[in-house]
Protein backbone atom coordinates (compact mmCIF):
# COMPACT_ATOMS: atom_id res chain seq x y z
CA MET A 1 -0.11 -0.02 -0.04
CA ILE A 2 1.06 3.65 -0.54
CA VAL A 3 -0.21 6.32 1.66
CA TRP A 4 -1.95 9.27 -0.04
CA GLN A 5 0.86 11.95 1.25
CA ASP A 6 3.68 9.69 -0.90
CA ALA A 7 4.70 11.56 -3.75
CA ARG A 8 6.70 8.96 -5.52
CA THR A 9 5.00 9.57 -8.82
CA SER A 10 5.58 13.20 -9.16
CA ASN A 11 7.53 12.46 -12.17
CA VAL A 12 4.86 10.24 -13.79
CA THR A 13 1.96 13.19 -13.01
CA GLU A 14 4.79 16.07 -14.35
CA ARG A 15 5.33 13.84 -17.53
CA LEU A 16 1.67 13.43 -18.35
CA LYS A 17 1.31 17.30 -17.92
CA SER A 18 4.08 18.04 -20.24
CA GLU A 19 2.54 16.02 -22.54
CA GLY A 20 -0.84 17.77 -22.50
CA ALA A 21 -2.95 15.45 -20.59
CA GLU A 22 -4.27 17.45 -17.77
CA PRO A 23 -7.09 18.84 -19.92
CA LEU A 24 -8.31 15.24 -20.13
CA VAL A 25 -8.12 14.14 -16.68
CA LEU A 26 -9.78 17.60 -15.53
CA GLU A 27 -12.71 17.17 -17.86
CA ARG A 28 -13.20 13.35 -17.26
CA ALA A 29 -12.36 13.11 -13.35
CA GLY A 30 -12.44 16.45 -12.37
CA LEU A 31 -9.31 16.28 -10.76
CA PRO A 32 -5.55 17.78 -11.56
CA LEU A 33 -2.82 15.70 -12.48
CA ASP A 34 -1.29 15.04 -8.86
CA PRO A 35 0.31 12.44 -7.07
CA TYR A 36 -2.21 13.03 -4.23
CA PHE A 37 -4.71 10.83 -6.08
CA ALA A 38 -4.59 7.16 -6.37
CA ALA A 39 -4.25 6.47 -10.20
CA SER A 40 -0.36 7.14 -10.73
CA LYS A 41 0.05 5.11 -7.26
CA LEU A 42 -1.79 2.23 -8.80
CA SER A 43 0.19 2.33 -12.14
CA TRP A 44 3.30 2.53 -9.95
CA ILE A 45 2.53 -0.66 -8.07
CA LEU A 46 1.63 -2.54 -11.18
CA HIS A 47 4.70 -1.63 -12.86
CA GLU A 48 7.12 -1.59 -10.43
CA ASN A 49 6.22 -4.88 -8.52
CA ALA A 50 7.10 -8.42 -10.54
CA GLU A 51 4.50 -9.88 -8.39
CA ALA A 52 1.59 -7.73 -9.43
CA ARG A 53 2.74 -7.81 -12.97
CA ARG A 54 2.58 -11.56 -12.96
CA LEU A 55 -0.73 -11.63 -11.59
CA ALA A 56 -1.82 -9.31 -13.94
CA ASP A 57 -0.47 -11.31 -16.87
CA LYS A 58 -2.71 -14.36 -15.49
CA GLY A 59 -5.94 -12.23 -15.15
CA ARG A 60 -5.87 -12.71 -11.02
CA LEU A 61 -4.65 -8.93 -10.04
CA ARG A 62 -6.99 -7.13 -7.93
CA LEU A 63 -5.93 -3.43 -7.98
CA GLY A 64 -7.57 -0.54 -5.68
CA THR A 65 -7.86 1.18 -2.46
CA THR A 66 -7.90 0.14 0.96
CA ASP A 67 -11.61 -0.09 1.16
CA ALA A 68 -11.93 -2.64 -1.81
CA PHE A 69 -9.34 -4.58 -0.04
CA PHE A 70 -11.18 -4.91 3.53
CA LEU A 71 -14.56 -5.46 1.73
CA ASP A 72 -13.03 -8.26 -0.48
CA ARG A 73 -11.59 -9.76 2.63
CA LEU A 74 -14.29 -9.31 4.99
CA THR A 75 -17.42 -10.39 2.56
CA GLY A 76 -15.74 -11.59 -0.47
CA ARG A 77 -17.02 -8.50 -2.53
CA PHE A 78 -14.38 -6.97 -4.48
CA GLU A 79 -16.37 -3.30 -4.48
CA THR A 80 -16.01 0.46 -3.97
CA ASP A 81 -18.31 2.90 -3.40
CA ILE A 82 -18.92 6.01 -5.73
CA THR A 83 -17.09 8.44 -3.34
CA THR A 84 -13.99 6.65 -3.09
CA ALA A 85 -13.80 5.80 -6.61
CA SER A 86 -14.41 9.73 -7.43
CA ARG A 87 -10.97 10.32 -5.68
CA THR A 88 -8.62 8.27 -7.87
CA SER A 89 -8.49 9.92 -11.30
CA LEU A 90 -10.00 6.94 -12.96
CA MET A 91 -13.61 7.28 -12.37
CA ASN A 92 -15.68 9.61 -14.63
CA ILE A 93 -17.33 12.14 -12.32
CA VAL A 94 -20.51 12.42 -14.70
CA THR A 95 -20.86 8.92 -15.78
CA GLY A 96 -19.94 7.68 -12.27
CA ALA A 97 -17.94 4.59 -14.00
CA TRP A 98 -14.39 3.75 -14.44
CA ASP A 99 -13.13 5.66 -17.74
CA GLU A 100 -11.29 3.58 -20.41
CA GLU A 101 -9.20 6.81 -21.39
CA LEU A 102 -8.07 7.67 -17.84
CA CYS A 103 -7.24 3.83 -17.20
CA ARG A 104 -5.20 3.74 -20.64
CA LEU A 105 -3.71 7.11 -19.61
CA PHE A 106 -2.37 5.90 -16.17
CA ARG A 107 -1.81 2.33 -17.64
CA VAL A 108 -4.09 0.87 -15.03
CA PRO A 109 -5.98 -2.50 -16.22
CA MET A 110 -9.78 -1.70 -15.90
CA ASP A 111 -10.36 -5.53 -15.43
CA ALA A 112 -8.23 -5.44 -12.22
CA LEU A 113 -10.32 -2.48 -10.55
CA PRO A 114 -13.18 -3.04 -8.20
CA ARG A 115 -16.95 -2.69 -9.37
CA ILE A 116 -18.55 0.67 -8.68
CA VAL A 117 -21.46 0.56 -6.36
CA PRO A 118 -23.60 3.10 -4.54
CA THR A 119 -22.67 4.31 -0.92
CA THR A 120 -25.27 2.37 0.48
CA GLY A 121 -26.92 -0.91 -0.27
CA ASP A 122 -25.89 -4.60 -0.05
CA PHE A 123 -21.93 -5.03 0.35
CA GLY A 124 -22.49 -8.43 1.91
CA THR A 125 -22.38 -10.23 5.48
CA LEU A 126 -19.41 -10.33 7.94
CA ALA A 127 -19.85 -13.53 9.79
CA CYS A 128 -19.68 -12.62 13.50
CA GLY A 129 -19.82 -15.78 15.89
CA ALA A 130 -23.00 -17.27 14.64
CA ARG A 131 -24.58 -14.36 13.14
CA ASN A 132 -24.26 -12.83 9.86
CA VAL A 133 -24.29 -9.31 9.96
CA PRO A 134 -24.94 -7.03 6.78
CA LEU A 135 -22.74 -4.41 5.73
CA THR A 136 -24.99 -1.68 4.41
CA ALA A 137 -22.73 1.59 3.98
CA SER A 138 -19.14 2.24 2.65
CA ILE A 139 -17.87 5.62 2.24
CA VAL A 140 -14.49 7.51 1.83
CA ASP A 141 -13.49 9.17 5.30
CA GLN A 142 -14.07 13.13 4.48
CA GLN A 143 -17.29 12.48 2.76
CA ALA A 144 -18.44 10.41 5.96
CA SER A 145 -17.39 13.16 7.95
CA LEU A 146 -19.34 15.42 6.12
CA TYR A 147 -22.16 13.22 6.63
CA GLY A 148 -21.29 13.07 10.03
CA HIS A 149 -21.65 16.90 10.80
CA GLY A 150 -25.29 16.85 9.63
CA CYS A 151 -24.82 18.40 6.39
CA ARG A 152 -27.49 17.67 3.79
CA LYS A 153 -28.08 20.27 1.85
CA PRO A 154 -26.61 22.76 -0.62
CA GLY A 155 -24.26 25.15 1.08
CA ASP A 156 -23.74 22.88 4.00
CA GLY A 157 -20.04 22.26 4.59
CA LYS A 158 -17.30 21.23 6.97
CA ILE A 159 -13.56 21.06 7.52
CA THR A 160 -11.85 18.52 9.10
CA PHE A 161 -8.41 18.72 10.87
CA GLY A 162 -6.52 15.75 10.53
CA THR A 163 -3.00 14.90 8.81
CA GLY A 164 -4.19 17.26 6.05
CA ALA A 165 -7.14 19.77 6.48
CA PHE A 166 -9.93 19.44 4.21
CA ALA A 167 -13.03 21.39 3.52
CA LEU A 168 -16.16 20.07 1.61
CA GLN A 169 -19.41 21.64 0.78
CA ILE A 170 -22.30 20.08 -1.00
CA THR A 171 -23.47 21.64 -4.17
CA GLY A 172 -26.36 19.70 -5.17
CA ASN A 173 -27.33 16.61 -7.95
CA VAL A 174 -25.33 18.09 -10.60
CA PRO A 175 -21.36 17.58 -10.92
CA PRO A 176 -19.84 21.28 -10.12
CA ALA A 177 -17.58 22.69 -12.75
CA ARG A 178 -14.10 22.74 -11.69
CA SER A 179 -13.57 26.09 -10.46
CA GLY A 180 -10.73 28.19 -8.52
CA GLY A 181 -8.62 24.99 -8.10
CA LEU A 182 -11.51 23.31 -6.34
CA LEU A 183 -12.17 19.60 -6.80
CA PRO A 184 -15.85 18.33 -7.84
CA THR A 185 -16.15 15.20 -5.97
CA VAL A 186 -19.17 12.91 -5.08
CA ALA A 187 -20.36 13.35 -1.79
CA TRP A 188 -22.53 10.27 -1.40
CA GLN A 189 -25.10 8.27 -3.36
CA LYS A 190 -27.62 6.32 -1.47
CA GLN A 191 -29.04 3.23 -3.28
CA GLY A 192 -31.85 4.02 -5.76
CA GLU A 193 -31.02 7.80 -5.74
CA PRO A 194 -28.74 10.06 -7.76
CA PRO A 195 -25.47 10.88 -6.64
CA THR A 196 -25.16 14.14 -4.16
CA PHE A 197 -22.09 16.15 -5.26
CA ALA A 198 -19.67 18.80 -3.42
CA VAL A 199 -16.71 20.71 -4.19
CA ASP A 200 -13.55 19.82 -2.05
CA GLY A 201 -10.64 21.61 -1.34
CA GLY A 202 -7.32 20.42 0.74
CA VAL A 203 -4.33 21.49 2.61
CA TYR A 204 -1.74 18.65 2.80
CA CYS A 205 -0.12 19.36 6.06
CA ALA A 206 -2.33 20.30 9.19
CA SER A 207 -2.05 18.39 11.97
CA SER A 208 1.14 16.88 10.35
CA ALA A 209 3.05 20.32 10.37
CA VAL A 210 2.54 20.81 14.03
CA GLU A 211 3.69 17.42 14.68
CA TRP A 212 6.71 18.23 12.60
CA ALA A 213 7.14 21.34 14.65
CA ARG A 214 7.30 19.40 17.90
CA GLY A 215 9.70 16.78 16.52
CA LEU A 216 11.94 19.76 15.71
CA GLY A 217 11.99 20.44 19.57
CA LEU A 218 10.18 23.74 19.58
CA PHE A 219 7.46 22.55 22.24
CA ASP A 220 6.89 19.43 24.21
CA ASP A 221 3.48 19.76 25.56
CA TYR A 222 0.29 20.59 23.77
CA ALA A 223 -0.76 22.48 26.41
CA SER A 224 1.87 25.12 25.99
CA VAL A 225 0.64 26.22 22.81
CA GLU A 226 -2.88 26.57 23.43
CA SER A 227 -2.08 30.62 24.34
CA PHE A 228 0.40 33.20 23.42
CA ASP A 229 1.68 36.33 24.76
CA GLY A 230 1.39 39.14 22.30
CA PRO A 231 -0.25 39.58 18.93
CA PRO A 232 -0.37 37.11 16.19
CA ALA A 233 3.19 36.32 14.76
CA ILE A 234 2.02 37.41 11.12
CA ALA A 235 1.02 40.89 12.94
CA ARG A 236 4.87 41.14 14.04
CA GLY A 237 5.83 40.23 10.42
CA LEU A 238 6.50 36.37 10.74
CA ALA A 239 4.81 33.79 8.54
CA PHE A 240 4.98 30.30 8.05
CA VAL A 241 3.71 28.28 4.80
CA PRO A 242 2.99 24.75 5.84
CA ALA A 243 3.91 23.31 2.20
CA LEU A 244 6.01 20.81 3.82
CA ALA A 245 4.33 18.35 1.18
CA GLY A 246 4.00 21.05 -1.49
CA LEU A 247 0.53 23.18 -1.99
CA ALA A 248 -2.82 21.47 -2.48
CA CYS A 249 -6.05 23.64 -3.11
CA PRO A 250 -6.12 26.27 -4.84
CA HIS A 251 -2.48 26.39 -6.23
CA TRP A 252 -1.81 22.35 -7.03
CA ASP A 253 1.91 22.76 -6.82
CA ARG A 254 3.79 19.84 -5.52
CA ALA A 255 7.60 21.80 -5.99
CA ALA A 256 6.42 24.54 -3.19
CA ARG A 257 8.15 23.93 -0.01
CA GLY A 258 7.55 25.27 3.61
CA ALA A 259 9.36 27.88 5.09
CA TRP A 260 9.36 30.60 7.62
CA PHE A 261 9.53 34.35 6.54
CA GLY A 262 10.65 37.26 8.80
CA LEU A 263 12.78 35.61 10.94
CA SER A 264 14.87 37.81 13.47
CA LEU A 265 17.09 37.31 16.67
CA ALA A 266 14.53 38.45 18.96
CA MET A 267 12.20 35.40 18.03
CA GLY A 268 12.25 32.11 19.44
CA LYS A 269 10.50 28.57 19.61
CA SER A 270 7.26 29.78 20.78
CA ASP A 271 7.16 32.39 17.87
CA LEU A 272 7.67 29.80 15.28
CA VAL A 273 5.05 27.54 16.61
CA GLN A 274 2.62 30.06 16.51
CA ALA A 275 3.39 30.92 13.16
CA VAL A 276 3.01 27.20 12.20
CA LEU A 277 -0.37 27.26 13.70
CA GLU A 278 -1.37 30.61 12.11
CA GLY A 279 0.14 29.13 8.56
CA VAL A 280 -2.32 26.50 8.66
CA ALA A 281 -5.13 28.64 9.49
CA LEU A 282 -4.18 30.83 6.65
CA ARG A 283 -4.33 28.00 4.10
CA THR A 284 -7.47 26.71 4.96
CA ALA A 285 -8.80 29.95 4.76
CA GLU A 286 -7.28 30.33 1.13
CA VAL A 287 -9.28 27.14 0.62
CA VAL A 288 -12.63 28.55 2.16
CA ALA A 289 -12.31 31.62 0.11
CA ALA A 290 -12.00 29.63 -3.14
CA ILE A 291 -15.28 27.81 -1.71
CA SER A 292 -17.23 31.24 -1.15
CA ARG A 293 -16.74 32.29 -4.57
CA VAL A 294 -18.46 29.39 -5.90
CA ALA A 295 -21.27 29.83 -3.21
CA PRO A 296 -21.26 31.31 0.12
CA PRO A 297 -21.00 28.41 2.83
CA ALA A 298 -23.63 28.29 5.35
CA GLU A 299 -22.82 29.63 8.66
CA PRO A 300 -21.77 28.42 11.44
CA VAL A 301 -18.55 26.66 9.79
CA CYS A 302 -18.47 23.04 11.13
CA ILE A 303 -15.06 21.97 12.13
CA ASP A 304 -13.57 18.94 13.66
CA GLY A 305 -10.38 16.84 14.02
CA GLY A 306 -7.20 17.29 16.51
CA LEU A 307 -6.16 20.88 15.93
CA THR A 308 -9.39 21.89 16.93
CA ARG A 309 -8.41 21.02 20.63
CA ASN A 310 -6.38 24.03 20.27
CA ALA A 311 -7.96 27.23 21.46
CA TYR A 312 -5.52 29.57 19.56
CA PHE A 313 -5.86 28.10 16.55
CA CYS A 314 -9.57 27.99 16.47
CA GLN A 315 -9.97 31.76 17.25
CA PHE A 316 -7.50 32.74 14.72
CA LEU A 317 -9.13 30.35 12.31
CA ALA A 318 -12.50 32.00 12.90
CA ASP A 319 -10.71 35.43 12.58
CA GLY A 320 -9.18 34.81 9.40
CA LEU A 321 -12.30 33.31 7.88
CA GLN A 322 -14.37 36.09 9.18
CA ARG A 323 -17.11 33.30 10.19
CA GLU A 324 -18.44 31.70 13.11
CA LEU A 325 -17.20 28.05 13.91
CA LEU A 326 -19.01 25.23 15.18
CA ILE A 327 -16.32 22.82 16.93
CA SER A 328 -18.16 19.56 17.24
CA ASP A 329 -17.99 17.99 20.38
CA GLN A 330 -18.04 14.48 18.73
CA PRO A 331 -14.40 13.13 18.40
CA GLU A 332 -15.10 10.57 15.70
CA LEU A 333 -17.61 12.03 12.88
CA THR A 334 -16.37 10.12 10.37
CA ALA A 335 -17.54 6.82 12.27
CA ILE A 336 -20.74 8.71 13.04
CA GLY A 337 -21.61 9.44 9.34
CA THR A 338 -20.85 5.92 8.10
CA ALA A 339 -23.12 4.46 10.92
CA ALA A 340 -25.82 6.88 9.99
CA LEU A 341 -25.78 5.98 6.35
CA ALA A 342 -25.60 2.30 7.31
CA ALA A 343 -28.58 2.45 9.80
CA GLU A 344 -30.74 4.40 7.32
CA ALA A 345 -29.92 1.55 4.47
CA VAL A 346 -31.89 -0.77 7.06
CA GLY A 347 -34.51 1.62 7.51
CA ARG A 348 -33.27 2.58 11.18
CA PRO A 349 -31.97 6.19 10.92
CA ILE A 350 -30.15 7.59 13.64
CA ALA A 351 -31.56 10.76 15.28
CA PHE A 352 -29.04 13.61 14.69
CA ALA A 353 -28.37 16.65 16.89
CA ARG A 354 -25.62 18.92 16.19
CA SER A 355 -23.87 20.01 19.13
CA GLY A 356 -20.42 21.57 19.86
CA ARG A 357 -18.63 25.21 21.00
CA ARG A 358 -19.19 28.23 19.14
CA VAL A 359 -16.39 30.48 18.32
CA ARG A 360 -17.07 33.88 16.94
CA PRO A 361 -14.87 36.07 14.73
CA GLN A 362 -12.66 39.09 15.90
CA ALA A 363 -11.05 41.82 13.94
CA PHE A 364 -8.69 40.51 11.40
CA ARG A 365 -6.32 42.95 9.14
CA GLU A 366 -6.22 42.53 5.68
CA GLU A 367 -2.59 43.27 5.44
CA TRP A 368 -2.04 39.99 7.44
CA ARG A 369 -3.80 38.04 4.91
CA ALA A 370 -1.51 39.88 2.02
CA ARG A 371 1.58 39.31 3.91
CA PHE A 372 0.67 35.58 3.91
CA ALA A 373 -0.15 35.71 0.28
CA SER A 374 3.62 37.03 -0.38
CA ALA A 375 4.94 34.07 1.61
CA VAL A 376 3.03 31.62 -0.61
CA ALA A 377 4.17 33.16 -3.83
CA ALA A 378 7.72 33.14 -2.47
CA VAL A 379 7.63 29.26 -1.69
CA LYS A 380 6.24 28.77 -4.92
CA ASP A 381 9.05 30.29 -6.68
CA LEU A 382 11.51 28.88 -4.29
CA GLY A 383 10.00 25.66 -5.41
CA ALA A 384 10.20 26.51 -9.26
CA ALA A 385 14.03 27.22 -9.12
CA SER A 386 14.81 24.44 -6.59
CA PRO A 387 16.11 20.81 -8.21
CA ALA A 388 13.59 18.02 -8.23
CA CYS A 389 14.26 15.98 -5.41
CA ASP A 390 12.92 12.62 -4.56
CA GLU A 391 10.24 12.08 -1.89
């Protein structure tokens, strides 16, 4: 298995870009050419692993994402749901089926891929002792979290802060046009119903950037970075761009690299950590701004994930967005969303009550946003001028 943050196939996606393939991928999959998505990774496994090639030659290779692996092992059904398939760059966003041209482009054999099915329905049964328990829902994690937040209608959205930060907002039953670096995606498809679509924007490094700072020895205890004396780091000229794995939405620039700007001898560890937290918030604000240009998000903006336990981060995020936040008090919204879909599929809907802590925005100076934008432009220029490196 290759994790989503692994960029070993950057050379493949860059080659395809140079050959003029990106318009085809954007038109059919709705996704840019980027190693973040599974297509180039699946191709890498097939072409770099001798056993995979041997199995493919015998017609015995099964190739896909982890949901398909577990469904195959648990129930004997080699299937993937439409939300997961929509994130591979191999599914046609309009037809909801594997696309022959995309599979040919990435050199992934279509007959090795799992069958695409709706998010809810019959996924087979799992033997639990003397009982056979039906599996009735399968959904990719961010879309599950969207459902777990109670988002159901166009304009409803959420932001989850895990390893990365991901904002999704429902658009309706028609695939949204790709705009402003946002990605059209399938939010879910209930059995017997048309798909519900959303726009998606992500930040590659969120909690992982904070963990990285901790690994550098900038802080030991998370409680010590809950508050800071004095004004924001960005107000004092210190900016951090968390491009530690490149820049995702709306830039889609894998060559960009993380950096602090505005360092001085007067600054210490605490200032650097403060700038890291602000940098994640400001990158998230870039994504939400792109979504707002498509359709205004409903308020409050629902957020969840590990970083939402940091009071400073949440207040700075509310300020940067200039929107009220609702911090969910449910720690496992992905599981809740999946459970809710599974229960509905068997006619036993779970009562839902949105709850959490609200954070209202305070004053935010536009020159801080401009200062951060300059820093983002600088890391893009730096990446463009740097030699390519293996991840």
